[in-house]
Every structure is written in C-alpha cells, then in structure tokens.
Amino acid sequence: MSHFSNRFTVHHKASGFVNKIAPTAHIVAKTGFLFSLLLLAPTVVSLLYMDHVFSAFAVTAAISMSVCALTWLLTMRYNRELRPRDGYTLVFMLWIGFALIACLPFYIYLPGLGFTNAYFEAISGLTTTGATIITSLDTLAPSLNFWRHMLNWLGGMGIIVLAVAVMPMLGVGGTQLFKAEIPGVNKDSKMAPRISETAKRLWSVYVLFTFVTLLALRLAGMSWFDAVCHAMSAFSLGGFSTHDNSISYFNSVPIEIILSIATILGAINFTNHFNALQKKSLRYYWRDEEVRVLLFVLLFSIIGISLYLWWHSFYSLGEAFRYTAFNLISIGLANGYSDTDFAKWPLIASLWMFFLANILSNGGSAGGGIKTVRALVLFKFSLREMLLMLHPNAVSMVKINGSHIPDRRALTVMAFVFVYVITIILFSFALMMSGMDFLSALTAAISCITNAGPGLGTVGPANNFAFLSDLQKWLCIIIMLLGRLEIFTVFILFTPAYWKK
C-alpha cells in the first residue's frame, strides 16, 4: 500500500509539473515558429551577396520550424490563457529558445566556432550586449554580419514585445508576458488600452527612428550595408559593428555624432518618443525627470573627463571632447561602440563610464542596468530618511515626475538593487576563480549585466571575449540574460513558492 502511495505521489507531481510547463511550451512553440520566419531576411541578404551561407539559414529554418511545429501539436491540448506566473516562465523559455535558433547559422556555417561560441554570439546579440567572440568581422560573410545586427535590433525593443503585438492572432493573451519583459519600475503603464496596441505603437516608433538613423548614416558616408547594420545596432543599444575596429574604422566625426544621438534616443523611455511624435512637441522629454538627469549627468561627465584627459596630455582639447563624448555616451548608456582604446585612459575615467552604465538608461528604454528611475527613487528615499532622522514627526512624500512613490514600491526597488549588486559581486568572484584578473572580471560582469559590451583588461575594446574559456563564456551568458530580464524574472523561477499552487 505504501509503495502504491509513493508511486501515486510521484505520478501526481510529474503530472502537475507537465500541466505547468506544457501550456508555456505550447506558446513557445508558436512564437518560435514565427521567429524562424525571420530567418528569411538574412537569407535574402545571402542571396544578394552570394556569400554561400544560404544553406546554413535554410537548415536552421527547417530544424527550428520542424521542432516548433511538433511541439505545437504535442502540447495543443494544454493550451490555455496565461496566468500571472506564466509570464516569467514564458519570457525565460523564449529567450533561451530564440538564442538557440539564432546560434544555429553561426554553428553550421562556422564549424570551428563550436556551440559555446555560437550561443554566446547569439545571446549577446539578442540581449543587446554587443560582446563578440568573432575576431574577423571585416571578412565575415555579409549575411551572418547582417544576422548579428538584426538580433541586436530585435532584442533592443524585446522580441517579446513583438510577439505580444501578434499574439492576439494566435489566440494568446500577452499581458503577463509584456509585464515580465518590459524593464522599469512602473510596468502597468500603457499607451493604449490593449497590450497588443501598446506593443505595436512602441515598435512603430522603433522602426521610424531606426530608418531615420539609417538615412543619416548613409548621408554621412557609410555604405548601404554598414548603414543598415549600424542603424539596427545603434538605436537598439546593441553595440555590434561590422568591423573589428568598431567605429574607429570609419574615423568620421559626423558618423560618431549620428551614432551618439541615436544612442541617447535609444536610452530614453519610448513613451516619451511616442508622445513627442504624436503631440509634435519636445516638451515631453524635458518634463521627464529621468531625461533631465540623463542629459545633465552626461554633459557634466563629458566635460569633466575631457578636461581630465586633456590636462594629463592624452589628447588635444578638441580630441579629448571628441573621444570622451562618443565613448562615454556609448558605454555610459550601455551601447558598446568604441572609437578608441579607452582601456588606456586613467582608470578613474574608464571606470566612471562603467558606473554610469548601471544607472543612466531610462526605464522603458532599450538600455540595461538599474535604470535612472530606480536610482532616483533610491536617492530621494535616502534623503527622506535623513530628514526623518532629524525630524521624526515630519511628513515627507517622495515624488518622481509629480507622482507619489509608495513605500512598497521603494522596497521593491531596494530589493532589486541589492540583488543586482550582489549578482555583480558573486559573478565577479566566479570569473576570478575561473582565472580572470580582478579588473577584467569586475568589468566583464558589469558590462554583461548592463548589456554594455566591452570591459577592461582582457575584455577591453582592443580585444574581445573570444579568448575566454568556455566556463567563463557560460558565466557571461548567464549574466547577460539576467541583465536583459532584470534578474527577478529569472531568479523567481528558482524559488519554491513559484512552483507551489
């Protein structure tokens, strides 16, 4: 009787696990099938350039569509509306699955690359980290280079948001998915009553700005191919380039200015872009406290570091402003381009850029890190606590953009920042234990969790991540995913409470 009871308990638990995972797997199969269709774009590029990568994309499409279609059919009977907790599982599974599909063209066409390197390149592209393991970008097949930048572009707004826009056609609700994916503090704010309409409006702004960036880069002297690729990686804050020397390859001030503007726009809350375009007024930017902080901190940092580098005779005054402005905007806003080896700067200057990468990107933007809004909440609540220590009976409210921030939301922010900092510390130690020096390990962890791209030391702008061991690459892959999904979305899956009814 006891043996029968144990077997029943095991069977019941297994059945419960299947009932929780199968509905999510069903939706992953649907969206994975749609993602496979995106392989048509690099396939067309391969045919235009006749670079012989066509077969790699064709095999990838055949494998991914077959697996997704089979999974779709096997899990069809488990199809149901998403519950609140399903959104976290679904987002995690989608990013893992999309990266698996995205890495196959690299793995198939470049057999010497290996699966670890192929998956690293794919997850780096999708998370808009921009850290690469490919050491010969200038001679890489055009369609593969295009695919890398397309992954940046898709990941910038979030493939999940794109999926939400088309999910109603698949009979799938997208609210919980949207909330789990969109970064920031207030995930309940919408630009439209329906989540799918919000996603479509976000993508319309995204496409428009990308197209304008493309035309500007072409007029500044880039080839059409380079302009298309860099437009996709610039506004998405992806940081991939078609050349090993990144933006220094072009040695063009106009190109650097255009990319800097695109980077700043990509780091601003997309709701501001939509409102400014809809109302034909720039005041929506200035009214946002996050934007004001971003611009002021950038301005004073550029002036301060430029003068510091000039004073220490690294550059002439004009060169100091040029190189500081471009690299500080790029790294400080978690993009990842470089036009000089900033690892040779005084450590205080280069480390300041990585500090900014943690806090400067606005919530609801393509950027990573803690986000400006969380930093503002922490700063203002710290000031309030000091005020209450002096005046215990005082009544003081913290406001962001005129809206009251409840104490409960502040506690959520504090918890997030605590886990964020602990994650950087633990992974820095893990990377050092694997053989990296302190500076390389720390900046690799920061650049991966903020999705900023290059670090310092062995992962500096003059190098890349190709020379890391497989263990170090997988550690970086985990950090990139944690940073893109804002940590809690991943960590919550490993709590006992999440799997209880």
Protein backbone atom coordinates (compact mmCIF):
# COMPACT_ATOMS: atom_id res chain seq x y z
CA MET A 1 0.00 0.00 0.00
CA SER A 2 2.85 2.36 0.86
CA HIS A 3 4.58 1.52 -2.44
CA PHE A 4 1.38 2.33 -4.35
CA SER A 5 1.02 5.60 -2.42
CA ASN A 6 4.58 6.64 -3.27
CA ARG A 7 4.07 5.85 -6.95
CA PHE A 8 0.84 7.87 -6.94
CA THR A 9 2.59 10.84 -5.31
CA VAL A 10 5.44 10.78 -7.86
CA HIS A 11 2.97 10.48 -10.73
CA HIS A 12 0.87 13.33 -9.32
CA LYS A 13 3.92 15.61 -9.00
CA ALA A 14 5.10 14.75 -12.52
CA SER A 15 1.62 15.40 -13.88
CA GLY A 16 1.47 18.73 -12.06
CA PHE A 17 4.85 19.75 -13.49
CA VAL A 18 3.71 18.88 -17.02
CA ASN A 19 0.48 20.83 -16.56
CA LYS A 20 2.51 23.90 -15.58
CA ILE A 21 5.18 23.64 -18.28
CA ALA A 22 3.20 22.29 -21.25
CA PRO A 23 0.95 25.37 -21.77
CA THR A 24 4.06 27.56 -21.74
CA ALA A 25 5.87 25.20 -24.12
CA HIS A 26 2.87 25.42 -26.46
CA ILE A 27 3.16 29.20 -26.71
CA VAL A 28 6.97 28.97 -27.01
CA ALA A 29 6.44 26.68 -29.99
CA LYS A 30 4.08 29.18 -31.63
CA THR A 31 6.36 32.16 -31.18
CA GLY A 32 9.45 30.08 -32.03
CA PHE A 33 7.83 29.21 -35.35
CA LEU A 34 7.28 32.91 -36.03
CA PHE A 35 10.87 33.69 -35.03
CA SER A 36 12.07 31.09 -37.54
CA LEU A 37 10.34 33.06 -40.29
CA LEU A 38 12.65 35.98 -39.54
CA LEU A 39 15.49 33.91 -41.00
CA LEU A 40 14.11 34.92 -44.38
CA ALA A 41 15.78 38.36 -44.05
CA PRO A 42 19.42 37.16 -43.76
CA THR A 43 18.64 34.51 -46.37
CA VAL A 44 17.77 37.26 -48.86
CA VAL A 45 21.00 39.09 -47.94
CA SER A 46 22.93 35.86 -48.54
CA LEU A 47 21.40 35.52 -52.00
CA LEU A 48 22.14 39.17 -52.85
CA TYR A 49 25.80 38.90 -51.83
CA MET A 50 26.18 35.26 -52.93
CA ASP A 51 28.17 34.50 -49.77
CA HIS A 52 27.20 30.79 -49.67
CA VAL A 53 25.53 30.97 -46.24
CA PHE A 54 22.11 30.29 -47.76
CA SER A 55 22.24 26.60 -46.84
CA ALA A 56 23.02 27.38 -43.17
CA PHE A 57 19.94 29.58 -42.86
CA ALA A 58 17.81 27.05 -44.76
CA VAL A 59 18.89 24.18 -42.48
CA THR A 60 18.28 26.33 -39.40
CA ALA A 61 14.79 27.24 -40.61
CA ALA A 62 13.98 23.61 -41.40
CA ILE A 63 15.17 22.35 -37.99
CA SER A 64 13.53 25.11 -35.92
CA MET A 65 10.22 25.01 -37.78
CA SER A 66 10.03 21.23 -37.53
CA VAL A 67 10.77 21.18 -33.80
CA CYS A 68 8.36 24.05 -33.10
CA ALA A 69 5.59 22.50 -35.21
CA LEU A 70 5.99 19.13 -33.47
CA THR A 71 5.98 20.75 -30.01
CA TRP A 72 2.96 22.83 -31.03
CA LEU A 73 1.00 19.69 -31.95
CA LEU A 74 2.08 17.65 -28.89
CA THR A 75 1.11 20.42 -26.44
CA MET A 76 -2.05 21.62 -28.17
CA ARG A 77 -4.35 20.02 -25.60
CA TYR A 78 -2.64 22.04 -22.84
CA ASN A 79 -3.39 25.40 -24.48
CA ARG A 80 -4.95 27.91 -22.07
CA GLU A 81 -4.86 31.61 -21.19
CA LEU A 82 -1.71 32.83 -19.47
CA ARG A 83 -1.78 33.19 -15.70
CA PRO A 84 0.29 35.84 -13.90
CA ARG A 85 3.09 33.42 -13.00
CA ASP A 86 3.26 32.01 -16.54
CA GLY A 87 4.72 35.23 -17.89
CA TYR A 88 8.05 34.69 -16.10
CA THR A 89 8.46 31.11 -17.30
CA LEU A 90 7.47 32.06 -20.83
CA VAL A 91 9.88 35.00 -21.13
CA PHE A 92 12.78 32.90 -19.83
CA MET A 93 12.00 29.99 -22.16
CA LEU A 94 11.55 32.30 -25.15
CA TRP A 95 14.92 34.00 -24.71
CA ILE A 96 16.68 30.65 -24.27
CA GLY A 97 14.84 29.18 -27.26
CA PHE A 98 15.27 32.20 -29.55
CA ALA A 99 19.01 32.25 -28.82
CA LEU A 100 19.20 28.54 -29.61
CA ILE A 101 17.62 29.13 -33.02
CA ALA A 102 19.71 32.26 -33.61
CA CYS A 103 23.00 30.49 -32.92
CA LEU A 104 22.49 27.70 -35.47
CA PRO A 105 23.58 29.66 -38.58
CA PHE A 106 26.88 30.52 -36.84
CA TYR A 107 27.33 26.93 -35.66
CA ILE A 108 26.53 25.39 -39.05
CA TYR A 109 28.47 27.77 -41.30
CA LEU A 110 31.48 28.24 -38.98
CA PRO A 111 32.18 24.67 -37.79
CA GLY A 112 35.38 25.68 -36.00
CA LEU A 113 33.40 28.10 -33.83
CA GLY A 114 31.81 25.49 -31.58
CA PHE A 115 28.42 25.56 -29.86
CA THR A 116 29.53 27.65 -26.86
CA ASN A 117 30.88 30.44 -29.07
CA ALA A 118 27.87 30.32 -31.38
CA TYR A 119 25.41 30.53 -28.47
CA PHE A 120 27.47 33.31 -26.84
CA GLU A 121 27.29 35.39 -30.04
CA ALA A 122 23.54 34.80 -30.35
CA ILE A 123 22.67 35.63 -26.73
CA SER A 124 24.97 38.65 -26.84
CA GLY A 125 23.10 39.88 -29.90
CA LEU A 126 19.61 39.26 -28.54
CA THR A 127 20.35 40.78 -25.14
CA THR A 128 21.94 43.79 -26.95
CA THR A 129 25.18 43.26 -25.02
CA GLY A 130 27.30 43.51 -28.14
CA ALA A 131 30.17 41.44 -26.73
CA THR A 132 31.56 39.34 -29.57
CA ILE A 133 33.77 36.28 -29.91
CA ILE A 134 34.30 36.69 -33.67
CA THR A 135 37.77 38.03 -34.43
CA SER A 136 37.45 38.62 -38.19
CA LEU A 137 34.34 40.73 -38.64
CA ASP A 138 35.71 42.54 -41.69
CA THR A 139 35.82 39.27 -43.65
CA LEU A 140 32.74 37.65 -42.11
CA ALA A 141 30.04 36.65 -44.61
CA PRO A 142 27.70 39.67 -45.09
CA SER A 143 24.55 37.70 -44.28
CA LEU A 144 25.99 36.49 -40.96
CA ASN A 145 27.07 40.03 -40.13
CA PHE A 146 23.58 41.23 -41.02
CA TRP A 147 22.06 38.49 -38.82
CA ARG A 148 24.18 39.63 -35.85
CA HIS A 149 22.86 43.18 -36.18
CA MET A 150 19.31 42.03 -36.77
CA LEU A 151 19.50 40.14 -33.47
CA ASN A 152 20.59 43.41 -31.81
CA TRP A 153 17.63 45.19 -33.36
CA LEU A 154 15.09 42.53 -32.38
CA GLY A 155 16.45 42.34 -28.85
CA GLY A 156 16.53 46.11 -28.37
CA MET A 157 12.81 46.57 -28.12
CA GLY A 158 12.42 43.00 -26.99
CA ILE A 159 11.30 40.16 -29.20
CA ILE A 160 8.70 39.57 -26.55
CA VAL A 161 7.04 42.91 -27.29
CA LEU A 162 6.91 41.96 -30.97
CA ALA A 163 5.40 38.64 -30.01
CA VAL A 164 2.77 40.42 -27.90
CA ALA A 165 1.81 42.50 -30.94
CA VAL A 166 0.99 39.39 -32.96
CA MET A 167 -0.14 37.06 -30.15
CA PRO A 168 -3.83 38.02 -30.43
CA MET A 169 -3.78 36.47 -33.91
CA LEU A 170 -2.55 33.24 -32.30
CA GLY A 171 -5.23 33.31 -29.65
CA VAL A 172 -2.74 34.04 -26.87
CA GLY A 173 -3.07 36.76 -24.24
CA GLY A 174 0.03 38.86 -23.79
CA THR A 175 -0.40 41.00 -20.66
CA GLN A 176 1.71 38.93 -18.28
CA LEU A 177 4.34 38.36 -20.93
CA PHE A 178 4.56 42.10 -21.59
CA LYS A 179 4.94 42.93 -17.90
CA ALA A 180 7.66 40.32 -17.40
CA GLU A 181 9.67 41.65 -20.36
CA ILE A 182 9.41 45.46 -20.17
CA PRO A 183 12.12 46.97 -17.92
CA GLY A 184 11.47 49.69 -15.39
CA VAL A 185 9.56 50.39 -12.20
CA ASN A 186 6.00 51.01 -13.37
CA LYS A 187 5.19 48.12 -15.68
CA ASP A 188 1.45 48.74 -15.58
CA SER A 189 1.57 51.98 -17.56
CA LYS A 190 0.22 51.67 -21.08
CA MET A 191 -0.04 53.93 -24.12
CA ALA A 192 -3.17 52.12 -25.28
CA PRO A 193 -5.98 50.15 -23.59
CA ARG A 194 -4.83 46.88 -25.19
CA ILE A 195 -1.35 45.48 -24.57
CA SER A 196 -1.01 44.48 -28.22
CA GLU A 197 -1.74 48.08 -29.29
CA THR A 198 0.93 49.34 -26.87
CA ALA A 199 3.46 46.92 -28.36
CA LYS A 200 2.57 47.98 -31.91
CA ARG A 201 3.00 51.67 -31.04
CA LEU A 202 6.35 51.01 -29.39
CA TRP A 203 7.51 49.15 -32.49
CA SER A 204 6.26 51.86 -34.83
CA VAL A 205 8.45 54.41 -33.00
CA TYR A 206 11.34 51.95 -33.01
CA VAL A 207 11.13 51.34 -36.76
CA LEU A 208 10.81 55.06 -37.55
CA PHE A 209 13.88 56.06 -35.52
CA THR A 210 15.90 53.18 -36.96
CA PHE A 211 15.03 54.26 -40.51
CA VAL A 212 16.00 57.89 -39.82
CA THR A 213 19.31 56.71 -38.32
CA LEU A 214 19.94 54.57 -41.41
CA LEU A 215 19.45 57.51 -43.80
CA ALA A 216 21.63 59.79 -41.66
CA LEU A 217 24.48 57.26 -41.58
CA ARG A 218 24.26 56.76 -45.34
CA LEU A 219 24.44 60.52 -45.92
CA ALA A 220 27.42 60.69 -43.53
CA GLY A 221 29.40 58.35 -45.76
CA MET A 222 28.66 54.77 -44.71
CA SER A 223 27.89 52.16 -47.36
CA TRP A 224 24.29 50.99 -47.51
CA PHE A 225 25.23 47.70 -45.84
CA ASP A 226 27.14 49.35 -42.98
CA ALA A 227 24.39 51.96 -42.57
CA VAL A 228 21.67 49.31 -42.27
CA CYS A 229 23.66 47.23 -39.79
CA HIS A 230 24.76 50.14 -37.59
CA ALA A 231 21.29 51.70 -37.63
CA MET A 232 19.94 48.43 -36.20
CA SER A 233 22.64 48.18 -33.52
CA ALA A 234 22.73 51.89 -32.61
CA PHE A 235 19.14 52.65 -31.67
CA SER A 236 18.78 49.23 -30.03
CA LEU A 237 21.88 49.99 -27.91
CA GLY A 238 23.27 46.70 -29.21
CA GLY A 239 26.81 47.81 -29.98
CA PHE A 240 27.63 45.28 -32.69
CA SER A 241 29.73 46.59 -35.58
CA THR A 242 30.61 45.19 -39.00
CA HIS A 243 34.31 45.86 -38.39
CA ASP A 244 36.89 44.60 -35.89
CA ASN A 245 37.91 48.19 -35.10
CA SER A 246 34.30 49.14 -34.37
CA ILE A 247 33.56 52.81 -35.11
CA SER A 248 37.23 53.81 -35.28
CA TYR A 249 37.24 52.03 -38.67
CA PHE A 250 35.31 54.98 -40.17
CA ASN A 251 37.31 57.75 -38.44
CA SER A 252 34.39 60.12 -39.07
CA VAL A 253 33.12 62.79 -36.69
CA PRO A 254 29.70 63.06 -38.43
CA ILE A 255 29.17 59.29 -38.08
CA GLU A 256 30.13 59.47 -34.41
CA ILE A 257 27.69 62.35 -33.82
CA ILE A 258 24.83 60.47 -35.51
CA LEU A 259 25.52 57.30 -33.53
CA SER A 260 25.77 59.31 -30.29
CA ILE A 261 22.37 60.93 -30.91
CA ALA A 262 20.84 57.54 -31.78
CA THR A 263 22.32 56.08 -28.59
CA ILE A 264 20.87 58.85 -26.41
CA LEU A 265 17.46 58.47 -28.04
CA GLY A 266 17.62 54.70 -27.55
CA ALA A 267 18.28 55.20 -23.83
CA ILE A 268 15.19 57.40 -23.32
CA ASN A 269 11.81 55.96 -22.34
CA PHE A 270 9.98 55.10 -25.56
CA THR A 271 6.76 56.53 -24.17
CA ASN A 272 8.40 59.96 -24.41
CA HIS A 273 9.24 59.35 -28.08
CA PHE A 274 5.69 58.32 -28.83
CA ASN A 275 4.15 61.30 -27.01
CA ALA A 276 6.60 63.78 -28.59
CA LEU A 277 5.83 62.47 -32.08
CA GLN A 278 2.09 62.29 -31.51
CA LYS A 279 1.83 65.78 -29.99
CA LYS A 280 4.64 67.23 -32.18
CA SER A 281 6.32 68.74 -29.13
CA LEU A 282 9.72 68.20 -27.49
CA ARG A 283 8.49 69.34 -24.08
CA TYR A 284 7.62 65.72 -23.19
CA TYR A 285 11.34 64.98 -22.99
CA TRP A 286 12.18 67.90 -20.73
CA ARG A 287 9.21 67.27 -18.46
CA ASP A 288 10.55 63.78 -17.67
CA GLU A 289 12.85 63.85 -14.66
CA GLU A 290 14.71 60.77 -15.93
CA VAL A 291 15.62 62.51 -19.19
CA ARG A 292 16.84 65.62 -17.39
CA VAL A 293 19.06 63.56 -15.11
CA LEU A 294 20.42 61.58 -18.07
CA LEU A 295 21.33 64.71 -20.03
CA PHE A 296 22.84 66.62 -17.09
CA VAL A 297 24.96 63.69 -15.91
CA LEU A 298 26.16 63.02 -19.46
CA LEU A 299 27.04 66.68 -20.03
CA PHE A 300 28.99 67.17 -16.80
CA SER A 301 30.73 63.79 -17.15
CA ILE A 302 31.85 64.59 -20.70
CA ILE A 303 33.18 68.00 -19.65
CA GLY A 304 34.92 66.63 -16.56
CA ILE A 305 36.62 63.62 -18.22
CA SER A 306 37.54 65.60 -21.34
CA LEU A 307 39.32 68.23 -19.28
CA TYR A 308 40.96 65.50 -17.18
CA LEU A 309 42.34 63.70 -20.27
CA TRP A 310 43.48 67.00 -21.80
CA TRP A 311 45.14 68.05 -18.56
CA HIS A 312 47.07 64.76 -18.47
CA SER A 313 48.11 65.22 -22.13
CA PHE A 314 46.25 62.21 -23.55
CA TYR A 315 44.72 64.30 -26.33
CA SER A 316 44.44 67.84 -27.57
CA LEU A 317 41.39 69.65 -26.18
CA GLY A 318 39.33 69.00 -29.32
CA GLU A 319 40.27 65.32 -29.46
CA ALA A 320 39.58 64.94 -25.75
CA PHE A 321 35.99 66.16 -26.21
CA ARG A 322 35.51 64.03 -29.33
CA TYR A 323 36.70 60.72 -27.87
CA THR A 324 35.26 61.30 -24.41
CA ALA A 325 31.82 62.28 -25.70
CA PHE A 326 31.46 59.31 -28.03
CA ASN A 327 32.80 56.62 -25.71
CA LEU A 328 31.14 57.93 -22.58
CA ILE A 329 27.76 58.12 -24.32
CA SER A 330 28.26 54.66 -25.82
CA ILE A 331 29.44 52.86 -22.68
CA GLY A 332 27.58 55.04 -20.17
CA LEU A 333 24.29 54.27 -21.93
CA ALA A 334 25.16 50.58 -22.35
CA ASN A 335 25.58 50.59 -26.12
CA GLY A 336 29.11 49.29 -26.62
CA TYR A 337 30.69 51.08 -29.57
CA SER A 338 34.20 52.47 -29.28
CA ASP A 339 36.33 54.74 -31.46
CA THR A 340 39.49 54.50 -29.34
CA ASP A 341 41.03 52.14 -26.80
CA PHE A 342 39.60 53.72 -23.64
CA ALA A 343 41.26 50.97 -21.59
CA LYS A 344 44.45 53.04 -21.92
CA TRP A 345 42.81 56.02 -20.19
CA PRO A 346 43.39 56.65 -16.48
CA LEU A 347 41.39 54.04 -14.57
CA ILE A 348 39.16 56.64 -12.90
CA ALA A 349 37.94 57.85 -16.30
CA SER A 350 37.14 54.43 -17.77
CA LEU A 351 35.59 53.10 -14.54
CA TRP A 352 33.31 56.14 -14.37
CA MET A 353 31.81 55.10 -17.73
CA PHE A 354 31.02 51.64 -16.37
CA PHE A 355 29.48 53.16 -13.25
CA LEU A 356 27.19 55.26 -15.44
CA ALA A 357 26.24 52.15 -17.45
CA ASN A 358 24.49 50.88 -14.32
CA ILE A 359 22.23 53.89 -13.78
CA LEU A 360 21.86 56.17 -16.81
CA SER A 361 19.50 54.31 -19.18
CA ASN A 362 15.86 55.28 -18.57
CA GLY A 363 13.16 52.81 -17.62
CA GLY A 364 11.15 51.71 -20.65
CA SER A 365 14.16 52.16 -22.95
CA ALA A 366 16.38 49.73 -24.83
CA GLY A 367 19.10 50.15 -22.19
CA GLY A 368 20.17 47.92 -19.33
CA GLY A 369 21.33 48.35 -15.75
CA ILE A 370 19.41 49.55 -12.73
CA LYS A 371 17.73 52.35 -14.74
CA THR A 372 17.64 56.04 -13.87
CA VAL A 373 14.21 55.88 -12.28
CA ARG A 374 15.34 53.33 -9.71
CA ALA A 375 18.45 55.37 -8.93
CA LEU A 376 16.23 58.43 -8.45
CA VAL A 377 13.89 56.53 -6.14
CA LEU A 378 16.80 55.32 -4.01
CA PHE A 379 18.39 58.77 -3.90
CA LYS A 380 15.19 60.55 -2.90
CA PHE A 381 14.23 57.96 -0.28
CA SER A 382 17.73 58.23 1.19
CA LEU A 383 17.29 61.99 1.51
CA ARG A 384 13.87 61.45 3.09
CA GLU A 385 15.27 59.00 5.64
CA MET A 386 17.94 61.52 6.66
CA LEU A 387 15.24 64.18 7.01
CA LEU A 388 13.15 61.86 9.21
CA MET A 389 16.18 61.14 11.38
CA LEU A 390 16.40 64.88 12.10
CA HIS A 391 12.64 65.43 12.27
CA PRO A 392 10.90 62.15 13.25
CA ASN A 393 7.41 63.68 13.12
CA ALA A 394 7.81 65.26 9.69
CA VAL A 395 5.54 64.18 6.83
CA SER A 396 7.50 63.75 3.62
CA MET A 397 6.49 62.14 0.34
CA VAL A 398 8.82 61.07 -2.46
CA LYS A 399 7.70 62.01 -5.95
CA ILE A 400 9.01 61.20 -9.43
CA ASN A 401 7.60 63.34 -12.23
CA GLY A 402 4.98 64.61 -9.81
CA SER A 403 3.71 61.12 -8.94
CA HIS A 404 3.88 59.81 -5.38
CA ILE A 405 6.11 56.76 -4.95
CA PRO A 406 4.60 54.44 -2.30
CA ASP A 407 6.90 52.92 0.31
CA ARG A 408 6.04 49.45 -1.01
CA ARG A 409 7.41 50.32 -4.44
CA ALA A 410 10.54 51.78 -2.85
CA LEU A 411 11.10 48.50 -1.00
CA THR A 412 10.82 46.67 -4.33
CA VAL A 413 13.44 48.98 -5.81
CA MET A 414 15.76 48.46 -2.83
CA ALA A 415 15.38 44.69 -3.11
CA PHE A 416 16.15 44.82 -6.82
CA VAL A 417 19.26 46.99 -6.36
CA PHE A 418 20.50 44.74 -3.54
CA VAL A 419 20.14 41.60 -5.67
CA TYR A 420 21.66 43.45 -8.65
CA VAL A 421 24.80 44.45 -6.71
CA ILE A 422 25.15 41.00 -5.10
CA THR A 423 24.88 39.42 -8.56
CA ILE A 424 27.75 41.56 -9.87
CA ILE A 425 29.88 40.71 -6.81
CA LEU A 426 29.24 36.95 -6.93
CA PHE A 427 29.83 36.64 -10.67
CA SER A 428 32.98 38.77 -10.39
CA PHE A 429 34.28 36.29 -7.81
CA ALA A 430 33.22 33.37 -10.02
CA LEU A 431 35.08 34.83 -13.00
CA MET A 432 38.17 35.44 -10.85
CA MET A 433 38.02 31.86 -9.58
CA SER A 434 37.96 30.72 -13.20
CA GLY A 435 41.26 32.52 -13.84
CA MET A 436 40.43 36.14 -14.75
CA ASP A 437 42.17 39.08 -13.10
CA PHE A 438 40.13 41.38 -10.86
CA LEU A 439 39.67 44.30 -13.28
CA SER A 440 38.72 42.06 -16.20
CA ALA A 441 36.31 40.03 -14.05
CA LEU A 442 34.61 43.06 -12.49
CA THR A 443 34.17 44.97 -15.76
CA ALA A 444 33.10 41.81 -17.62
CA ALA A 445 30.37 41.24 -15.02
CA ILE A 446 29.27 44.89 -15.19
CA SER A 447 29.34 45.07 -18.99
CA CYS A 448 27.33 41.84 -19.27
CA ILE A 449 24.67 42.68 -16.67
CA THR A 450 24.25 46.20 -18.08
CA ASN A 451 24.47 44.81 -21.65
CA ALA A 452 27.20 47.37 -22.38
CA GLY A 453 29.59 45.13 -24.36
CA PRO A 454 33.34 45.63 -23.86
CA GLY A 455 35.02 45.82 -20.49
CA LEU A 456 38.60 46.49 -19.43
CA GLY A 457 41.68 44.30 -19.23
CA THR A 458 41.41 41.10 -21.26
CA VAL A 459 37.88 42.03 -22.40
CA GLY A 460 38.73 45.65 -23.27
CA PRO A 461 37.81 47.43 -26.52
CA ALA A 462 41.08 46.40 -28.19
CA ASN A 463 40.24 42.72 -27.51
CA ASN A 464 37.01 40.73 -27.32
CA PHE A 465 35.56 37.75 -25.45
CA ALA A 466 36.97 35.11 -27.83
CA PHE A 467 39.91 34.29 -25.57
CA LEU A 468 37.82 33.44 -22.52
CA SER A 469 37.44 29.79 -21.51
CA ASP A 470 34.13 28.00 -22.14
CA LEU A 471 33.29 28.25 -18.42
CA GLN A 472 33.89 32.00 -18.43
CA LYS A 473 31.75 32.40 -21.54
CA TRP A 474 28.85 30.50 -19.98
CA LEU A 475 29.12 32.62 -16.84
CA CYS A 476 28.92 35.72 -19.06
CA ILE A 477 25.94 34.23 -20.91
CA ILE A 478 24.09 33.83 -17.61
CA ILE A 479 24.91 37.41 -16.57
CA MET A 480 23.75 38.79 -19.94
CA LEU A 481 20.43 37.00 -19.62
CA LEU A 482 20.00 38.16 -16.01
CA GLY A 483 20.70 41.74 -17.04
CA ARG A 484 18.32 41.72 -20.00
CA LEU A 485 15.47 40.18 -17.99
CA GLU A 486 16.19 42.29 -14.90
CA ILE A 487 17.24 39.45 -12.61
CA PHE A 488 13.97 38.82 -10.75
CA THR A 489 12.30 37.42 -13.89
CA VAL A 490 14.93 34.65 -13.85
CA PHE A 491 15.56 34.21 -10.12
CA ILE A 492 11.86 33.89 -9.32
CA LEU A 493 11.78 30.65 -11.32
CA PHE A 494 14.15 29.05 -8.80
CA THR A 495 12.07 29.82 -5.70
CA PRO A 496 9.96 27.03 -4.12
CA ALA A 497 6.99 29.41 -3.84
CA TYR A 498 6.84 29.84 -7.63
CA TRP A 499 6.15 26.14 -8.23
CA LYS A 500 3.53 25.81 -5.50
CA LYS A 501 -0.14 26.11 -6.41
